[in-house]
């Protein structure tokens, strides 16, 4: 199964200067809970933005033309190689975690969407989620997030399945 996981604000902002535009510990915990034990697939800039490399308890795959020498990380050189990997591992859940170009390349193939919807407009960033047709998906779960003093923005964890 191919899944996307991302967080976005009201305007679908997902990044600023190759980083998240917010610090939302509840979302980081959710990301960890959902992706642990699975494969995460990302572009090179997403890989470069990770604070810990590789993320523990996950198989990391990076789409890049430049090999990565970090032990335990697989690099794939192009979208065709990614498609072949997904096909060869169809029984597994593979999470695309960014960036935007990977989301765009696989939007027509994704089975499940895990979206953290933040009810706030952050200052304009430089990366927005690719448009997707909500008529192609059905909301199957919505869980309100925990608002805190450090992260005062209301948010919800929403899961969609393709019809």
N, C-alpha and C. Protein backbone atom coordinates (compact mmCIF):
# COMPACT_ATOMS: atom_id res chain seq x y z
N UNK A 1 0.85 -1.18 0.00
CA UNK A 1 0.00 0.00 0.00
C UNK A 1 0.89 1.24 0.00
N UNK A 2 0.54 2.18 -0.81
CA UNK A 2 1.26 3.45 -0.87
C UNK A 2 0.46 4.50 -0.10
N UNK A 3 1.13 5.19 0.80
CA UNK A 3 0.48 6.22 1.62
C UNK A 3 1.33 7.49 1.60
N UNK A 4 0.66 8.61 1.75
CA UNK A 4 1.33 9.90 1.96
C UNK A 4 1.08 10.30 3.40
N UNK A 5 2.05 10.99 3.99
CA UNK A 5 1.84 11.58 5.31
C UNK A 5 2.46 12.97 5.29
N UNK A 6 1.67 13.97 5.71
CA UNK A 6 2.16 15.34 5.74
C UNK A 6 1.29 16.17 6.68
N UNK A 7 1.80 17.34 7.03
CA UNK A 7 1.05 18.33 7.80
C UNK A 7 0.93 19.58 6.95
N UNK A 8 -0.21 20.26 7.08
CA UNK A 8 -0.42 21.48 6.31
C UNK A 8 -1.25 22.47 7.10
N UNK A 9 -1.08 23.76 6.77
CA UNK A 9 -1.92 24.78 7.40
C UNK A 9 -3.16 25.00 6.54
N UNK A 10 -3.97 26.01 6.89
CA UNK A 10 -5.21 26.27 6.15
C UNK A 10 -4.99 26.52 4.66
N UNK A 11 -3.82 27.05 4.32
CA UNK A 11 -3.52 27.38 2.93
C UNK A 11 -2.73 26.28 2.22
N UNK A 12 -2.62 25.11 2.85
CA UNK A 12 -1.91 23.96 2.30
C UNK A 12 -0.39 24.13 2.30
N UNK A 13 0.10 25.07 3.12
CA UNK A 13 1.53 25.25 3.28
C UNK A 13 2.12 24.03 3.97
N UNK A 14 3.23 23.51 3.41
CA UNK A 14 3.89 22.36 4.03
C UNK A 14 5.37 22.62 4.34
N UNK A 15 5.95 23.70 3.81
CA UNK A 15 7.37 23.92 4.05
C UNK A 15 7.82 25.34 3.82
N UNK A 16 8.90 25.67 4.52
CA UNK A 16 9.57 26.95 4.37
C UNK A 16 11.07 26.70 4.46
N UNK A 17 11.80 27.02 3.41
CA UNK A 17 13.25 26.82 3.40
C UNK A 17 13.64 25.40 3.78
N UNK A 18 12.92 24.41 3.22
CA UNK A 18 13.18 22.99 3.44
C UNK A 18 12.99 22.54 4.89
N UNK A 19 12.14 23.23 5.62
CA UNK A 19 11.80 22.85 6.99
C UNK A 19 10.31 23.06 7.22
N UNK A 20 9.79 22.45 8.27
CA UNK A 20 8.41 22.70 8.64
C UNK A 20 8.29 24.13 9.15
N UNK A 21 7.21 24.82 8.80
CA UNK A 21 7.04 26.22 9.23
C UNK A 21 6.57 26.34 10.68
N UNK A 22 6.43 25.25 11.39
CA UNK A 22 5.90 25.25 12.76
C UNK A 22 6.62 24.17 13.56
N UNK A 23 6.46 24.24 14.86
CA UNK A 23 6.91 23.15 15.73
C UNK A 23 5.67 22.65 16.44
N UNK A 24 5.25 21.46 16.09
CA UNK A 24 4.02 20.88 16.61
C UNK A 24 4.35 19.48 17.15
N UNK A 25 4.74 19.40 18.43
CA UNK A 25 5.15 18.11 19.00
C UNK A 25 4.11 17.00 18.82
N UNK A 26 2.83 17.35 18.92
CA UNK A 26 1.77 16.36 18.75
C UNK A 26 1.84 15.72 17.36
N UNK A 27 2.13 16.52 16.34
CA UNK A 27 2.25 16.00 14.99
C UNK A 27 3.49 15.13 14.85
N UNK A 28 4.59 15.51 15.48
CA UNK A 28 5.81 14.70 15.42
C UNK A 28 5.58 13.33 16.06
N UNK A 29 4.85 13.30 17.17
CA UNK A 29 4.52 12.02 17.82
C UNK A 29 3.62 11.17 16.92
N UNK A 30 2.66 11.81 16.28
CA UNK A 30 1.75 11.11 15.36
C UNK A 30 2.54 10.52 14.19
N UNK A 31 3.42 11.32 13.60
CA UNK A 31 4.25 10.85 12.49
C UNK A 31 5.04 9.62 12.91
N UNK A 32 5.65 9.68 14.07
CA UNK A 32 6.44 8.56 14.56
C UNK A 32 5.57 7.32 14.75
N UNK A 33 4.43 7.50 15.40
CA UNK A 33 3.53 6.38 15.68
C UNK A 33 3.06 5.70 14.39
N UNK A 34 2.71 6.50 13.39
CA UNK A 34 2.16 5.97 12.15
C UNK A 34 3.23 5.32 11.27
N UNK A 35 4.43 5.88 11.25
CA UNK A 35 5.45 5.40 10.30
C UNK A 35 6.40 4.36 10.87
N UNK A 36 6.50 4.24 12.19
CA UNK A 36 7.43 3.26 12.76
C UNK A 36 7.11 1.86 12.27
N UNK A 37 8.16 1.13 11.92
CA UNK A 37 8.01 -0.23 11.44
C UNK A 37 7.71 -0.32 9.95
N UNK A 38 7.67 0.82 9.29
CA UNK A 38 7.35 0.86 7.86
C UNK A 38 8.49 1.49 7.07
N UNK A 39 8.32 1.53 5.77
CA UNK A 39 9.28 2.18 4.87
C UNK A 39 8.84 3.62 4.67
N UNK A 40 9.81 4.53 4.77
CA UNK A 40 9.55 5.93 4.44
C UNK A 40 10.39 6.28 3.22
N UNK A 41 9.75 6.96 2.30
CA UNK A 41 10.37 7.32 1.03
C UNK A 41 10.34 8.83 0.91
N UNK A 42 11.47 9.40 0.54
CA UNK A 42 11.56 10.86 0.50
C UNK A 42 12.53 11.32 -0.57
N UNK A 43 12.43 12.59 -0.91
CA UNK A 43 13.40 13.22 -1.80
C UNK A 43 14.63 13.64 -1.03
N UNK A 44 15.65 14.05 -1.75
CA UNK A 44 16.93 14.41 -1.14
C UNK A 44 16.81 15.59 -0.17
N UNK A 45 16.04 16.61 -0.54
CA UNK A 45 15.93 17.77 0.35
C UNK A 45 15.19 17.41 1.63
N UNK A 46 14.21 16.54 1.56
CA UNK A 46 13.54 16.08 2.78
C UNK A 46 14.54 15.31 3.64
N UNK A 47 15.32 14.44 3.02
CA UNK A 47 16.37 13.70 3.74
C UNK A 47 17.32 14.68 4.44
N UNK A 48 17.77 15.69 3.71
CA UNK A 48 18.72 16.65 4.27
C UNK A 48 18.12 17.42 5.45
N UNK A 49 16.79 17.56 5.49
CA UNK A 49 16.15 18.33 6.55
C UNK A 49 15.92 17.52 7.82
N UNK A 50 16.06 16.21 7.77
CA UNK A 50 15.79 15.38 8.95
C UNK A 50 16.82 15.66 10.05
N UNK A 51 16.36 15.78 11.29
CA UNK A 51 17.30 16.02 12.38
C UNK A 51 18.11 14.78 12.75
N UNK A 52 17.54 13.60 12.55
CA UNK A 52 18.20 12.34 12.85
C UNK A 52 18.19 11.51 11.58
N UNK A 53 19.35 10.98 11.21
CA UNK A 53 19.44 10.23 9.96
C UNK A 53 20.09 8.88 10.21
N UNK A 54 19.47 7.82 9.80
CA UNK A 54 18.07 7.71 9.40
C UNK A 54 17.15 7.74 10.61
N UNK A 55 15.86 7.95 10.36
CA UNK A 55 14.91 7.91 11.46
C UNK A 55 14.85 6.48 12.00
N UNK A 56 14.88 6.31 13.32
CA UNK A 56 14.91 4.97 13.89
C UNK A 56 13.65 4.16 13.60
N UNK A 57 13.84 2.85 13.53
CA UNK A 57 12.74 1.88 13.40
C UNK A 57 11.93 2.05 12.12
N UNK A 58 12.58 2.55 11.07
CA UNK A 58 11.95 2.68 9.77
C UNK A 58 12.99 2.35 8.70
N UNK A 59 12.54 1.85 7.58
CA UNK A 59 13.40 1.66 6.42
C UNK A 59 13.37 2.97 5.63
N UNK A 60 14.53 3.54 5.38
CA UNK A 60 14.61 4.83 4.69
C UNK A 60 15.08 4.66 3.26
N UNK A 61 14.30 5.24 2.35
CA UNK A 61 14.66 5.26 0.93
C UNK A 61 14.64 6.71 0.48
N UNK A 62 15.69 7.10 -0.24
CA UNK A 62 15.82 8.48 -0.70
C UNK A 62 15.95 8.48 -2.22
N UNK A 63 15.11 9.29 -2.86
CA UNK A 63 15.21 9.50 -4.31
C UNK A 63 16.25 10.59 -4.53
N UNK A 64 17.37 10.20 -5.13
CA UNK A 64 18.46 11.15 -5.36
C UNK A 64 19.40 10.60 -6.43
N UNK A 65 20.06 11.51 -7.13
CA UNK A 65 21.08 11.11 -8.09
C UNK A 65 22.44 10.97 -7.41
N UNK A 66 22.56 11.57 -6.22
CA UNK A 66 23.81 11.50 -5.48
C UNK A 66 23.69 10.42 -4.40
N UNK A 67 24.52 9.40 -4.44
CA UNK A 67 24.42 8.33 -3.44
C UNK A 67 24.59 8.87 -2.01
N UNK A 68 23.89 8.25 -1.10
CA UNK A 68 24.00 8.57 0.32
C UNK A 68 24.73 7.41 0.97
N UNK A 69 25.74 7.71 1.75
CA UNK A 69 26.57 6.65 2.33
C UNK A 69 26.17 6.29 3.75
N UNK A 70 25.08 6.84 4.25
CA UNK A 70 24.62 6.52 5.59
C UNK A 70 24.18 5.06 5.64
N UNK A 71 24.71 4.28 6.58
CA UNK A 71 24.30 2.87 6.66
C UNK A 71 22.79 2.75 6.87
N UNK A 72 22.20 1.76 6.19
CA UNK A 72 20.79 1.50 6.35
C UNK A 72 19.88 2.33 5.47
N UNK A 73 20.45 3.15 4.59
CA UNK A 73 19.64 3.99 3.71
C UNK A 73 19.81 3.49 2.28
N UNK A 74 18.70 3.33 1.59
CA UNK A 74 18.71 2.93 0.20
C UNK A 74 18.47 4.17 -0.65
N UNK A 75 19.24 4.33 -1.72
CA UNK A 75 18.99 5.43 -2.65
C UNK A 75 18.48 4.85 -3.96
N UNK A 76 17.53 5.55 -4.54
CA UNK A 76 17.00 5.21 -5.85
C UNK A 76 17.20 6.43 -6.75
N UNK A 77 17.61 6.19 -7.99
CA UNK A 77 18.05 7.29 -8.84
C UNK A 77 17.00 8.01 -9.64
N UNK A 78 15.80 7.41 -9.79
CA UNK A 78 14.77 8.09 -10.57
C UNK A 78 13.39 7.56 -10.21
N UNK A 79 12.37 8.22 -10.73
CA UNK A 79 10.98 7.87 -10.41
C UNK A 79 10.67 6.44 -10.85
N UNK A 80 11.22 6.01 -11.98
CA UNK A 80 10.98 4.64 -12.45
C UNK A 80 11.49 3.62 -11.43
N UNK A 81 12.64 3.89 -10.83
CA UNK A 81 13.19 2.99 -9.80
C UNK A 81 12.29 2.98 -8.57
N UNK A 82 11.74 4.13 -8.22
CA UNK A 82 10.80 4.20 -7.10
C UNK A 82 9.55 3.39 -7.42
N UNK A 83 9.02 3.55 -8.62
CA UNK A 83 7.83 2.79 -9.02
C UNK A 83 8.09 1.29 -8.95
N UNK A 84 9.26 0.86 -9.40
CA UNK A 84 9.62 -0.56 -9.36
C UNK A 84 9.70 -1.04 -7.91
N UNK A 85 10.28 -0.22 -7.04
CA UNK A 85 10.39 -0.60 -5.62
C UNK A 85 8.99 -0.75 -5.02
N UNK A 86 8.13 0.20 -5.29
CA UNK A 86 6.76 0.14 -4.75
C UNK A 86 6.06 -1.11 -5.25
N UNK A 87 6.21 -1.41 -6.50
CA UNK A 87 5.58 -2.60 -7.09
C UNK A 87 6.14 -3.88 -6.46
N UNK A 88 7.45 -3.93 -6.26
CA UNK A 88 8.09 -5.11 -5.67
C UNK A 88 7.74 -5.30 -4.20
N UNK A 89 7.27 -4.25 -3.54
CA UNK A 89 6.94 -4.30 -2.11
C UNK A 89 5.47 -3.97 -1.88
N UNK A 90 4.62 -4.42 -2.77
CA UNK A 90 3.19 -4.08 -2.74
C UNK A 90 2.49 -4.53 -1.46
N UNK A 91 2.99 -5.54 -0.80
CA UNK A 91 2.36 -6.04 0.43
C UNK A 91 2.70 -5.17 1.64
N UNK A 92 3.67 -4.29 1.51
CA UNK A 92 4.10 -3.43 2.61
C UNK A 92 3.41 -2.07 2.51
N UNK A 93 3.39 -1.35 3.64
CA UNK A 93 2.96 0.04 3.62
C UNK A 93 4.20 0.90 3.43
N UNK A 94 4.19 1.68 2.38
CA UNK A 94 5.29 2.60 2.08
C UNK A 94 4.74 4.01 2.19
N UNK A 95 5.37 4.81 3.04
CA UNK A 95 4.94 6.19 3.26
C UNK A 95 5.84 7.14 2.49
N UNK A 96 5.26 7.94 1.61
CA UNK A 96 5.99 9.07 1.03
C UNK A 96 5.83 10.22 2.01
N UNK A 97 6.97 10.77 2.45
CA UNK A 97 6.94 11.82 3.47
C UNK A 97 7.34 13.19 2.91
N UNK A 98 7.63 13.28 1.63
CA UNK A 98 7.99 14.54 1.01
C UNK A 98 9.16 14.35 0.07
N UNK A 99 9.43 15.26 -0.71
CA UNK A 99 8.82 16.54 -0.86
C UNK A 99 7.70 16.58 -1.89
N UNK A 100 7.40 17.80 -2.21
CA UNK A 100 6.26 18.10 -3.07
C UNK A 100 6.32 17.34 -4.40
N UNK A 101 7.49 17.27 -5.00
CA UNK A 101 7.60 16.61 -6.31
C UNK A 101 7.30 15.12 -6.21
N UNK A 102 7.65 14.47 -5.11
CA UNK A 102 7.29 13.06 -4.93
C UNK A 102 5.78 12.91 -4.74
N UNK A 103 5.19 13.81 -3.96
CA UNK A 103 3.73 13.78 -3.81
C UNK A 103 3.07 13.92 -5.18
N UNK A 104 3.56 14.84 -5.98
CA UNK A 104 2.98 15.06 -7.31
C UNK A 104 3.15 13.84 -8.21
N UNK A 105 4.32 13.23 -8.17
CA UNK A 105 4.61 12.09 -9.05
C UNK A 105 3.73 10.87 -8.74
N UNK A 106 3.31 10.73 -7.48
CA UNK A 106 2.59 9.52 -7.08
C UNK A 106 1.15 9.77 -6.64
N UNK A 107 0.63 10.98 -6.88
CA UNK A 107 -0.74 11.30 -6.45
C UNK A 107 -1.77 10.35 -7.07
N UNK A 108 -1.57 9.95 -8.30
CA UNK A 108 -2.54 9.07 -8.96
C UNK A 108 -2.43 7.62 -8.51
N UNK A 109 -1.38 7.29 -7.73
CA UNK A 109 -1.18 5.91 -7.28
C UNK A 109 -1.41 5.72 -5.79
N UNK A 110 -1.48 6.80 -5.04
CA UNK A 110 -1.55 6.69 -3.58
C UNK A 110 -2.89 6.09 -3.15
N UNK A 111 -2.82 5.22 -2.13
CA UNK A 111 -4.01 4.54 -1.61
C UNK A 111 -4.58 5.23 -0.37
N UNK A 112 -3.70 5.82 0.43
CA UNK A 112 -4.13 6.37 1.71
C UNK A 112 -3.39 7.67 1.97
N UNK A 113 -4.11 8.64 2.57
CA UNK A 113 -3.53 9.93 2.92
C UNK A 113 -3.65 10.13 4.42
N UNK A 114 -2.55 10.49 5.06
CA UNK A 114 -2.53 10.83 6.49
C UNK A 114 -2.17 12.31 6.56
N UNK A 115 -3.15 13.12 6.89
CA UNK A 115 -2.97 14.57 6.84
C UNK A 115 -3.18 15.17 8.22
N UNK A 116 -2.19 15.93 8.68
CA UNK A 116 -2.39 16.74 9.88
C UNK A 116 -2.84 18.10 9.39
N UNK A 117 -4.08 18.44 9.70
CA UNK A 117 -4.66 19.72 9.28
C UNK A 117 -4.54 20.70 10.45
N UNK A 118 -3.74 21.74 10.25
CA UNK A 118 -3.52 22.75 11.28
C UNK A 118 -4.43 23.93 10.98
N UNK A 119 -5.28 24.27 11.92
CA UNK A 119 -6.25 25.34 11.74
C UNK A 119 -5.61 26.69 12.06
N UNK A 120 -4.69 27.08 11.19
CA UNK A 120 -3.95 28.33 11.36
C UNK A 120 -3.32 28.68 10.02
N UNK A 121 -3.16 29.97 9.77
CA UNK A 121 -2.45 30.42 8.58
C UNK A 121 -1.08 30.93 9.00
N UNK A 122 -0.05 30.24 8.59
CA UNK A 122 1.31 30.65 8.90
C UNK A 122 1.79 31.62 7.83
N UNK A 123 2.80 32.43 8.14
CA UNK A 123 3.33 33.33 7.11
C UNK A 123 3.71 32.51 5.87
N UNK A 124 3.55 33.13 4.73
CA UNK A 124 3.79 32.42 3.48
C UNK A 124 5.13 31.72 3.48
N UNK A 125 5.12 30.49 3.03
CA UNK A 125 6.34 29.72 2.89
C UNK A 125 6.65 29.55 1.42
N UNK A 126 7.42 28.52 1.10
CA UNK A 126 7.77 28.31 -0.30
C UNK A 126 7.33 26.96 -0.85
N UNK A 127 6.69 26.14 -0.01
CA UNK A 127 6.26 24.84 -0.49
C UNK A 127 4.84 24.56 -0.03
N UNK A 128 3.99 24.25 -1.00
CA UNK A 128 2.57 23.96 -0.73
C UNK A 128 2.26 22.56 -1.24
N UNK A 129 1.33 21.89 -0.58
CA UNK A 129 0.93 20.56 -1.00
C UNK A 129 0.32 20.61 -2.39
N UNK A 130 0.59 19.58 -3.17
CA UNK A 130 -0.01 19.50 -4.50
C UNK A 130 -1.52 19.35 -4.35
N UNK A 131 -2.28 19.93 -5.25
CA UNK A 131 -3.74 19.77 -5.19
C UNK A 131 -4.12 18.30 -5.37
N UNK A 132 -5.16 17.90 -4.67
CA UNK A 132 -5.69 16.55 -4.84
C UNK A 132 -7.21 16.61 -4.78
N UNK A 133 -7.83 15.71 -5.50
CA UNK A 133 -9.28 15.70 -5.63
C UNK A 133 -9.90 14.92 -4.47
N UNK A 134 -10.56 15.65 -3.57
CA UNK A 134 -11.16 14.99 -2.42
C UNK A 134 -12.29 14.05 -2.82
N UNK A 135 -12.81 14.17 -4.04
CA UNK A 135 -13.82 13.23 -4.52
C UNK A 135 -13.24 11.84 -4.77
N UNK A 136 -11.92 11.75 -4.89
CA UNK A 136 -11.26 10.46 -5.10
C UNK A 136 -11.03 9.70 -3.79
N UNK A 137 -11.26 10.37 -2.67
CA UNK A 137 -10.94 9.79 -1.36
C UNK A 137 -12.13 9.92 -0.42
N UNK A 138 -12.16 9.02 0.55
CA UNK A 138 -13.18 9.07 1.59
C UNK A 138 -12.47 9.23 2.94
N UNK A 139 -12.95 10.17 3.73
CA UNK A 139 -12.40 10.32 5.08
C UNK A 139 -12.81 9.10 5.90
N UNK A 140 -11.82 8.44 6.50
CA UNK A 140 -12.13 7.24 7.28
C UNK A 140 -11.83 7.42 8.78
N UNK A 141 -11.10 8.46 9.12
CA UNK A 141 -10.79 8.68 10.53
C UNK A 141 -10.39 10.14 10.74
N UNK A 142 -10.84 10.71 11.85
CA UNK A 142 -10.46 12.07 12.23
C UNK A 142 -10.26 12.07 13.74
N UNK A 143 -9.08 12.50 14.16
CA UNK A 143 -8.75 12.55 15.58
C UNK A 143 -8.27 13.95 15.92
N UNK A 144 -8.92 14.61 16.87
CA UNK A 144 -8.43 15.95 17.24
C UNK A 144 -7.06 15.86 17.91
N UNK A 145 -6.23 16.85 17.61
CA UNK A 145 -4.90 16.90 18.22
C UNK A 145 -4.93 17.63 19.55
N UNK A 146 -3.83 17.51 20.28
CA UNK A 146 -3.70 18.17 21.58
C UNK A 146 -3.09 19.55 21.40
N UNK A 147 -3.82 20.56 21.79
CA UNK A 147 -3.30 21.92 21.77
C UNK A 147 -2.52 22.12 23.07
N UNK A 148 -1.41 22.83 22.97
CA UNK A 148 -0.58 23.08 24.16
C UNK A 148 -0.11 24.53 24.15
N UNK A 149 0.52 24.90 25.22
CA UNK A 149 1.06 26.25 25.31
C UNK A 149 2.12 26.49 24.24
N UNK A 150 2.94 25.47 23.97
CA UNK A 150 4.00 25.60 22.97
C UNK A 150 3.47 25.46 21.54
N UNK A 151 2.32 24.82 21.38
CA UNK A 151 1.71 24.61 20.06
C UNK A 151 0.23 24.92 20.16
N UNK A 152 -0.11 26.22 20.12
CA UNK A 152 -1.48 26.65 20.42
C UNK A 152 -2.48 26.51 19.26
N UNK A 153 -2.07 25.87 18.18
CA UNK A 153 -2.94 25.82 17.00
C UNK A 153 -3.82 24.58 17.04
N UNK A 154 -5.12 24.76 16.92
CA UNK A 154 -5.99 23.58 16.81
C UNK A 154 -5.59 22.78 15.57
N UNK A 155 -5.64 21.46 15.70
CA UNK A 155 -5.28 20.60 14.58
C UNK A 155 -5.98 19.25 14.71
N UNK A 156 -6.03 18.54 13.60
CA UNK A 156 -6.66 17.23 13.59
C UNK A 156 -5.84 16.32 12.67
N UNK A 157 -5.84 15.05 13.03
CA UNK A 157 -5.20 14.02 12.23
C UNK A 157 -6.30 13.34 11.43
N UNK A 158 -6.23 13.47 10.11
CA UNK A 158 -7.29 12.98 9.23
C UNK A 158 -6.70 11.93 8.29
N UNK A 159 -7.40 10.80 8.18
CA UNK A 159 -6.97 9.73 7.29
C UNK A 159 -8.03 9.56 6.20
N UNK A 160 -7.54 9.49 4.97
CA UNK A 160 -8.40 9.29 3.81
C UNK A 160 -7.99 8.01 3.09
N UNK A 161 -8.97 7.30 2.55
CA UNK A 161 -8.70 6.13 1.71
C UNK A 161 -9.25 6.40 0.32
N UNK A 162 -8.51 5.96 -0.68
CA UNK A 162 -8.98 6.12 -2.06
C UNK A 162 -10.21 5.23 -2.28
N UNK A 163 -11.20 5.78 -2.98
CA UNK A 163 -12.42 5.00 -3.31
C UNK A 163 -12.04 3.82 -4.17
